[in-house]
Amino acid sequence: MSLLNKTLPRILIVDDEPANLKVLRQVLQDSYRLTFARSGADALELLEKEEVSLILLDIMMPDMTGFEVCEQVKAQPHTAHIPVIFVTALKDTIDEETGFNLGAVDYITKPIVPAIVRARVKTHLSLVQADVLKATQVDLIQRLGRAAEYKDNETGMHVLRMSHYAHVLALAAGIDAEAANELLLASQMHDLGKIAIPDNILLKPGRLNDDEFKQMKAHTLIGADILSNPRSQLVALAYSIAMTHHEKWDGSGYPKGLKGLEIPLEGRIAAIADVFDALTSERPYKAAWPVEEAVNLLQQESGKHFDPDLVGLFVQELPKILDIKHQFAEQIINKN
């Protein structure tokens, strides 16, 4: 079946009363695919066989209550992401806080109002779609970052390690969790401009001459140009990192020769993360440095190449950094 033939979301409706199932069928059947279960056990069995986008779940059922069903749904990795909306009679005495603590997203009361049911279902399915879109964006960002590194780091592990180092350093520097997560994603595009650098320069085993180094330095401007005119905070952050991760604390960096706090924090963080991983990784033109030598260089360049406060924090967080280095170790690619 073509991917262009969009499939309607499937909703699982769980209620021990056939009349209630019939009403919900009439309300939702024109807009969604529906699956029905008359007990909690039946619902859990169906979830093992079918992919479901949302669950409408009666609370007061014999043998297994809706709360018990919800608890089991949320305990399973393959179903935990499914939104659960409880459906309950007005006369029922329930603890709504219990339901929300178990992972439910909403309540609908009986007798149902069709417009309310349709609105609530649409809202929560829209949130699911937003989560899927965000996951897709993250996937594309990671692939874009890997594309930029593919010539000299085919596995893409450099961008993963470097971005996770940056995340650790950002948190240590006092950046809040949400902003640090954005930095983790945006920093994966730091060398996007390398796409335009010729192989004979990018992979040259020896020292670059002045003309070659001039071309290499252009990757910052090329990456920034690709990311220019951003329409999201994430791309704006990626633009800043692409432009400034080769600036130096003493003003001797490029492309603009920014100095000290003129360099945005994200650029200063990315510079340390990028250099540390570049030093400790094997490339076609160099062997990997021992961690101790790489740390020594960071400390020697503190106040010259790097923000001295951030170097101190990086060394302080070195156990976490080394855990990441191990977690995202290089993988062997079979080219046969």
Protein backbone atom coordinates (compact mmCIF):
# COMPACT_ATOMS: atom_id res chain seq x y z
CA MET A 1 0.00 0.00 0.00
CA SER A 2 1.31 3.45 -0.90
CA LEU A 3 2.41 5.69 1.98
CA LEU A 4 0.33 8.41 0.33
CA ASN A 5 -2.83 6.50 1.25
CA LYS A 6 -3.10 7.84 4.77
CA THR A 7 -4.47 5.39 7.32
CA LEU A 8 -6.96 6.66 9.88
CA PRO A 9 -5.91 6.40 13.53
CA ARG A 10 -7.20 3.34 15.37
CA ILE A 11 -9.01 3.82 18.68
CA LEU A 12 -9.56 1.02 21.18
CA ILE A 13 -12.84 1.42 23.10
CA VAL A 14 -13.13 -0.64 26.28
CA ASP A 15 -16.48 -0.97 28.10
CA ASP A 16 -18.40 -3.92 29.54
CA GLU A 17 -21.76 -2.45 28.46
CA PRO A 18 -22.66 -3.08 24.79
CA ALA A 19 -24.92 -0.03 24.75
CA ASN A 20 -21.97 2.23 25.62
CA LEU A 21 -19.85 0.67 22.89
CA LYS A 22 -22.66 1.27 20.40
CA VAL A 23 -22.95 4.95 21.31
CA LEU A 24 -19.22 5.55 20.97
CA ARG A 25 -19.21 3.69 17.67
CA GLN A 26 -21.87 6.05 16.30
CA VAL A 27 -19.92 9.09 17.48
CA LEU A 28 -16.48 8.08 16.15
CA GLN A 29 -16.86 5.59 13.31
CA ASP A 30 -16.85 8.17 10.51
CA SER A 31 -13.46 9.61 11.49
CA TYR A 32 -11.48 6.71 12.94
CA ARG A 33 -10.92 2.99 12.77
CA LEU A 34 -12.40 1.40 15.87
CA THR A 35 -11.63 -1.72 17.89
CA PHE A 36 -13.81 -2.84 20.80
CA ALA A 37 -13.19 -4.81 23.99
CA ARG A 38 -15.69 -5.72 26.71
CA SER A 39 -13.18 -6.39 29.46
CA GLY A 40 -9.77 -5.27 30.59
CA ALA A 41 -8.27 -8.67 29.81
CA ASP A 42 -9.64 -8.56 26.26
CA ALA A 43 -8.23 -5.05 25.83
CA LEU A 44 -4.75 -6.09 26.92
CA GLU A 45 -4.88 -9.08 24.60
CA LEU A 46 -5.90 -6.88 21.65
CA LEU A 47 -3.04 -4.49 22.37
CA GLU A 48 -0.61 -7.35 21.80
CA LYS A 49 -1.99 -7.82 18.27
CA GLU A 50 -2.90 -4.35 17.01
CA GLU A 51 -1.32 -0.92 16.93
CA VAL A 52 -3.59 1.59 18.62
CA SER A 53 -3.38 5.38 18.61
CA LEU A 54 -5.66 6.07 21.59
CA ILE A 55 -7.68 4.18 24.21
CA LEU A 56 -11.13 5.14 25.55
CA LEU A 57 -11.36 3.19 28.78
CA ASP A 58 -14.31 2.61 31.09
CA ILE A 59 -13.33 2.65 34.76
CA MET A 60 -16.01 0.59 36.51
CA MET A 61 -15.71 -2.86 34.94
CA PRO A 62 -15.93 -6.31 36.59
CA ASP A 63 -12.78 -8.40 37.18
CA MET A 64 -10.38 -5.63 36.14
CA THR A 65 -11.01 -1.91 36.58
CA GLY A 66 -9.96 0.71 34.08
CA PHE A 67 -7.32 1.90 36.55
CA GLU A 68 -5.78 -1.59 36.60
CA VAL A 69 -5.85 -1.78 32.80
CA CYS A 70 -4.20 1.65 32.50
CA GLU A 71 -1.49 0.64 34.94
CA GLN A 72 -0.62 -2.41 32.83
CA VAL A 73 -0.75 -0.43 29.58
CA LYS A 74 1.70 2.13 30.94
CA ALA A 75 3.98 -0.58 32.34
CA GLN A 76 4.66 -2.08 28.90
CA PRO A 77 7.25 -0.30 26.71
CA HIS A 78 5.34 -1.00 23.47
CA THR A 79 2.06 0.47 24.80
CA ALA A 80 3.19 3.07 27.33
CA HIS A 81 3.03 5.87 24.73
CA ILE A 82 -0.69 5.32 23.95
CA PRO A 83 -2.91 8.09 25.38
CA VAL A 84 -5.63 6.77 27.71
CA ILE A 85 -8.86 8.70 28.24
CA PHE A 86 -11.06 7.39 31.05
CA VAL A 87 -14.81 7.26 30.48
CA THR A 88 -16.85 7.28 33.68
CA ALA A 89 -20.48 7.75 34.78
CA LEU A 90 -21.30 10.89 36.71
CA LYS A 91 -22.66 8.77 39.55
CA ASP A 92 -19.36 6.89 39.96
CA THR A 93 -17.15 7.98 42.82
CA ILE A 94 -13.62 8.04 41.48
CA ASP A 95 -10.29 9.53 42.38
CA GLU A 96 -9.29 11.52 39.31
CA GLU A 97 -5.82 12.12 40.70
CA THR A 98 -5.25 8.35 40.74
CA GLY A 99 -6.03 8.14 37.04
CA PHE A 100 -3.68 10.96 36.12
CA ASN A 101 -0.92 9.49 38.30
CA LEU A 102 -1.32 6.23 36.39
CA GLY A 103 -0.69 8.07 33.13
CA ALA A 104 -4.18 8.91 31.82
CA VAL A 105 -4.47 12.13 29.82
CA ASP A 106 -8.15 13.00 30.28
CA TYR A 107 -11.62 12.07 31.58
CA ILE A 108 -14.96 11.98 29.75
CA THR A 109 -18.18 11.62 31.72
CA LYS A 110 -21.29 9.57 30.86
CA PRO A 111 -23.80 10.18 29.48
CA ILE A 112 -21.41 11.35 26.79
CA VAL A 113 -21.80 14.51 24.74
CA PRO A 114 -20.75 13.64 21.15
CA ALA A 115 -19.12 17.01 20.46
CA ILE A 116 -17.02 16.75 23.63
CA VAL A 117 -15.92 13.20 22.82
CA ARG A 118 -14.87 14.16 19.30
CA ALA A 119 -13.03 17.27 20.54
CA ARG A 120 -11.13 15.44 23.28
CA VAL A 121 -10.14 12.59 20.98
CA LYS A 122 -9.00 15.00 18.26
CA THR A 123 -6.96 17.03 20.75
CA HIS A 124 -5.06 14.09 22.17
CA LEU A 125 -4.43 12.52 18.78
CA SER A 126 -3.03 15.89 17.66
CA LEU A 127 -0.61 15.78 20.60
CA VAL A 128 0.46 12.29 19.53
CA GLN A 129 1.08 13.59 16.00
CA ALA A 130 3.12 16.45 17.45
CA ASP A 131 5.29 13.97 19.36
CA VAL A 132 5.78 11.93 16.18
CA LEU A 133 6.73 15.10 14.27
CA LYS A 134 9.25 16.06 16.94
CA ALA A 135 10.78 12.58 16.83
CA THR A 136 11.01 12.88 13.04
CA GLN A 137 12.72 16.26 13.34
CA VAL A 138 15.26 14.83 15.77
CA ASP A 139 15.92 11.93 13.42
CA LEU A 140 16.45 14.26 10.47
CA ILE A 141 18.77 16.53 12.48
CA GLN A 142 20.90 13.57 13.47
CA ARG A 143 21.08 12.34 9.89
CA LEU A 144 21.95 15.83 8.63
CA GLY A 145 24.75 16.07 11.17
CA ARG A 146 26.03 12.65 10.17
CA ALA A 147 25.94 13.64 6.49
CA ALA A 148 28.30 16.52 7.23
CA GLU A 149 30.76 14.20 8.97
CA TYR A 150 30.42 11.22 6.64
CA LYS A 151 33.64 11.78 4.69
CA ASP A 152 35.91 11.47 7.71
CA ASN A 153 33.64 9.82 10.30
CA GLU A 154 31.31 7.46 8.50
CA THR A 155 29.62 6.08 11.61
CA GLY A 156 28.29 9.49 12.69
CA MET A 157 29.46 8.82 16.24
CA HIS A 158 31.42 12.08 16.38
CA VAL A 159 28.28 14.21 16.20
CA LEU A 160 26.57 12.07 18.83
CA ARG A 161 29.49 12.15 21.24
CA MET A 162 30.20 15.83 20.69
CA SER A 163 26.55 16.83 21.15
CA HIS A 164 26.21 14.78 24.34
CA TYR A 165 29.43 16.30 25.71
CA ALA A 166 27.92 19.71 24.98
CA HIS A 167 24.73 18.70 26.79
CA VAL A 168 26.64 17.68 29.92
CA LEU A 169 28.67 20.90 29.86
CA ALA A 170 25.56 23.03 29.33
CA LEU A 171 23.87 21.54 32.39
CA ALA A 172 27.03 22.01 34.45
CA ALA A 173 27.07 25.67 33.35
CA GLY A 174 23.59 26.16 34.79
CA ILE A 175 21.55 26.02 31.58
CA ASP A 176 18.06 24.65 32.22
CA ALA A 177 17.16 21.15 31.03
CA GLU A 178 14.97 22.26 28.12
CA ALA A 179 17.59 24.61 26.70
CA ALA A 180 20.32 22.00 27.21
CA ASN A 181 18.27 19.49 25.23
CA GLU A 182 17.95 22.00 22.39
CA LEU A 183 21.71 22.51 22.49
CA LEU A 184 22.20 18.74 22.25
CA LEU A 185 20.23 18.70 19.00
CA ALA A 186 21.50 21.95 17.50
CA SER A 187 25.17 21.13 18.10
CA GLN A 188 24.84 18.06 15.87
CA MET A 189 24.77 20.47 12.92
CA HIS A 190 27.91 22.35 13.95
CA ASP A 191 29.97 21.20 10.95
CA LEU A 192 27.21 21.17 8.36
CA GLY A 193 29.33 23.37 6.10
CA LYS A 194 31.87 20.57 5.66
CA ILE A 195 29.56 19.19 3.00
CA ALA A 196 31.04 21.79 0.65
CA ILE A 197 34.73 21.23 1.52
CA PRO A 198 36.71 19.26 -1.12
CA ASP A 199 37.93 15.80 -0.09
CA ASN A 200 41.56 16.64 -0.85
CA ILE A 201 41.40 19.28 1.90
CA LEU A 202 39.07 17.58 4.37
CA LEU A 203 40.99 14.28 4.32
CA LYS A 204 44.52 15.61 3.79
CA PRO A 205 46.84 13.61 6.08
CA GLY A 206 49.35 16.44 6.49
CA ARG A 207 49.21 20.08 7.52
CA LEU A 208 47.03 22.35 5.37
CA ASN A 209 48.72 25.17 3.51
CA ASP A 210 47.41 28.71 3.81
CA ASP A 211 45.05 28.45 0.84
CA GLU A 212 43.71 25.07 1.96
CA PHE A 213 43.18 26.32 5.50
CA LYS A 214 41.29 29.34 4.13
CA GLN A 215 38.95 26.96 2.30
CA MET A 216 38.56 24.79 5.40
CA LYS A 217 37.65 27.79 7.54
CA ALA A 218 34.85 28.59 5.11
CA HIS A 219 32.84 25.64 6.48
CA THR A 220 31.65 27.86 9.33
CA LEU A 221 30.19 30.43 6.94
CA ILE A 222 28.78 27.76 4.63
CA GLY A 223 27.08 25.99 7.52
CA ALA A 224 25.69 29.27 8.82
CA ASP A 225 24.43 30.13 5.33
CA ILE A 226 22.60 26.79 5.09
CA LEU A 227 21.00 27.48 8.48
CA SER A 228 20.33 31.19 7.88
CA ASN A 229 16.91 32.81 8.18
CA PRO A 230 15.75 30.24 10.74
CA ARG A 231 12.06 29.80 11.48
CA SER A 232 12.58 27.97 14.76
CA GLN A 233 14.60 28.47 17.93
CA LEU A 234 16.37 25.16 17.32
CA VAL A 235 17.66 26.15 13.87
CA ALA A 236 18.61 29.61 15.19
CA LEU A 237 20.72 27.88 17.84
CA ALA A 238 22.27 25.61 15.23
CA TYR A 239 23.11 28.69 13.13
CA SER A 240 24.88 30.30 16.08
CA ILE A 241 26.90 27.15 16.83
CA ALA A 242 27.88 26.62 13.18
CA MET A 243 29.08 30.22 12.99
CA THR A 244 30.96 30.45 16.30
CA HIS A 245 32.32 27.04 17.36
CA HIS A 246 35.77 27.94 15.96
CA GLU A 247 35.99 31.32 17.66
CA LYS A 248 38.60 31.50 20.43
CA TRP A 249 38.49 33.12 23.86
CA ASP A 250 41.54 35.30 23.06
CA GLY A 251 40.08 36.55 19.77
CA SER A 252 42.34 34.55 17.46
CA GLY A 253 39.62 32.28 16.10
CA TYR A 254 37.42 32.48 13.03
CA PRO A 255 35.39 33.54 11.09
CA LYS A 256 34.84 36.86 12.93
CA GLY A 257 37.62 36.96 15.52
CA LEU A 258 35.17 37.26 18.41
CA LYS A 259 36.71 37.48 21.87
CA GLY A 260 35.67 36.35 25.35
CA LEU A 261 32.01 36.86 26.13
CA GLU A 262 31.44 38.19 22.62
CA ILE A 263 31.30 34.50 21.68
CA PRO A 264 27.83 33.17 22.54
CA LEU A 265 27.75 30.56 25.29
CA GLU A 266 26.59 27.84 22.91
CA GLY A 267 29.62 28.46 20.70
CA ARG A 268 32.02 28.33 23.65
CA ILE A 269 30.46 25.06 24.83
CA ALA A 270 30.54 23.50 21.36
CA ALA A 271 34.20 24.47 20.91
CA ILE A 272 35.32 22.43 23.92
CA ALA A 273 33.09 19.46 23.10
CA ASP A 274 34.21 19.44 19.46
CA VAL A 275 37.93 19.73 20.12
CA PHE A 276 37.94 17.10 22.87
CA ASP A 277 36.20 14.57 20.65
CA ALA A 278 38.34 15.43 17.63
CA LEU A 279 41.50 14.90 19.65
CA THR A 280 40.40 11.61 21.22
CA SER A 281 39.04 10.11 17.98
CA GLU A 282 40.90 8.38 15.17
CA ARG A 283 40.49 9.93 11.75
CA PRO A 284 41.95 9.05 8.31
CA TYR A 285 44.62 11.71 8.85
CA LYS A 286 45.40 11.22 12.58
CA ALA A 287 45.58 8.78 15.48
CA ALA A 288 43.44 9.22 18.57
CA TRP A 289 45.02 11.05 21.50
CA PRO A 290 44.89 9.54 25.01
CA VAL A 291 42.23 11.19 27.15
CA GLU A 292 44.83 12.55 29.58
CA GLU A 293 46.69 14.37 26.79
CA ALA A 294 43.47 15.83 25.43
CA VAL A 295 42.47 17.10 28.88
CA ASN A 296 45.94 18.59 29.34
CA LEU A 297 45.55 20.50 26.07
CA LEU A 298 42.16 21.88 27.14
CA GLN A 299 43.74 23.10 30.38
CA GLN A 300 46.76 24.57 28.56
CA GLU A 301 44.41 26.42 26.19
CA SER A 302 42.14 27.63 29.01
CA GLY A 303 41.89 31.40 28.68
CA LYS A 304 43.40 31.27 25.19
CA HIS A 305 41.32 29.00 22.96
CA PHE A 306 38.65 28.15 25.52
CA ASP A 307 36.47 29.81 28.14
CA PRO A 308 38.40 29.04 31.38
CA ASP A 309 35.26 28.57 33.47
CA LEU A 310 33.88 26.03 30.99
CA VAL A 311 37.16 24.12 30.88
CA GLY A 312 36.99 23.74 34.65
CA LEU A 313 33.43 22.47 34.44
CA PHE A 314 34.34 20.04 31.64
CA VAL A 315 37.14 18.52 33.72
CA GLN A 316 34.78 18.36 36.69
CA GLU A 317 32.27 16.39 34.58
CA LEU A 318 34.91 14.12 33.03
CA PRO A 319 33.43 10.86 34.44
CA LYS A 320 30.16 11.60 32.60
CA ILE A 321 32.09 12.56 29.48
CA LEU A 322 33.97 9.26 29.49
CA ASP A 323 30.72 7.33 29.96
CA ILE A 324 29.40 9.02 26.80
CA LYS A 325 32.64 8.28 24.96
CA HIS A 326 32.22 4.60 25.79
CA GLN A 327 28.50 4.56 24.99
CA PHE A 328 29.02 6.04 21.52
CA ALA A 329 32.26 4.29 20.64
CA GLU A 330 33.12 3.98 16.96
CA GLN A 331 31.48 1.15 15.06
CA ILE A 332 33.16 -0.85 12.31
CA ILE A 333 31.44 -0.42 8.94
CA ASN A 334 31.52 -3.38 6.57
CA LYS A 335 31.91 -1.92 3.05
CA ASN A 336 31.63 -5.29 1.28
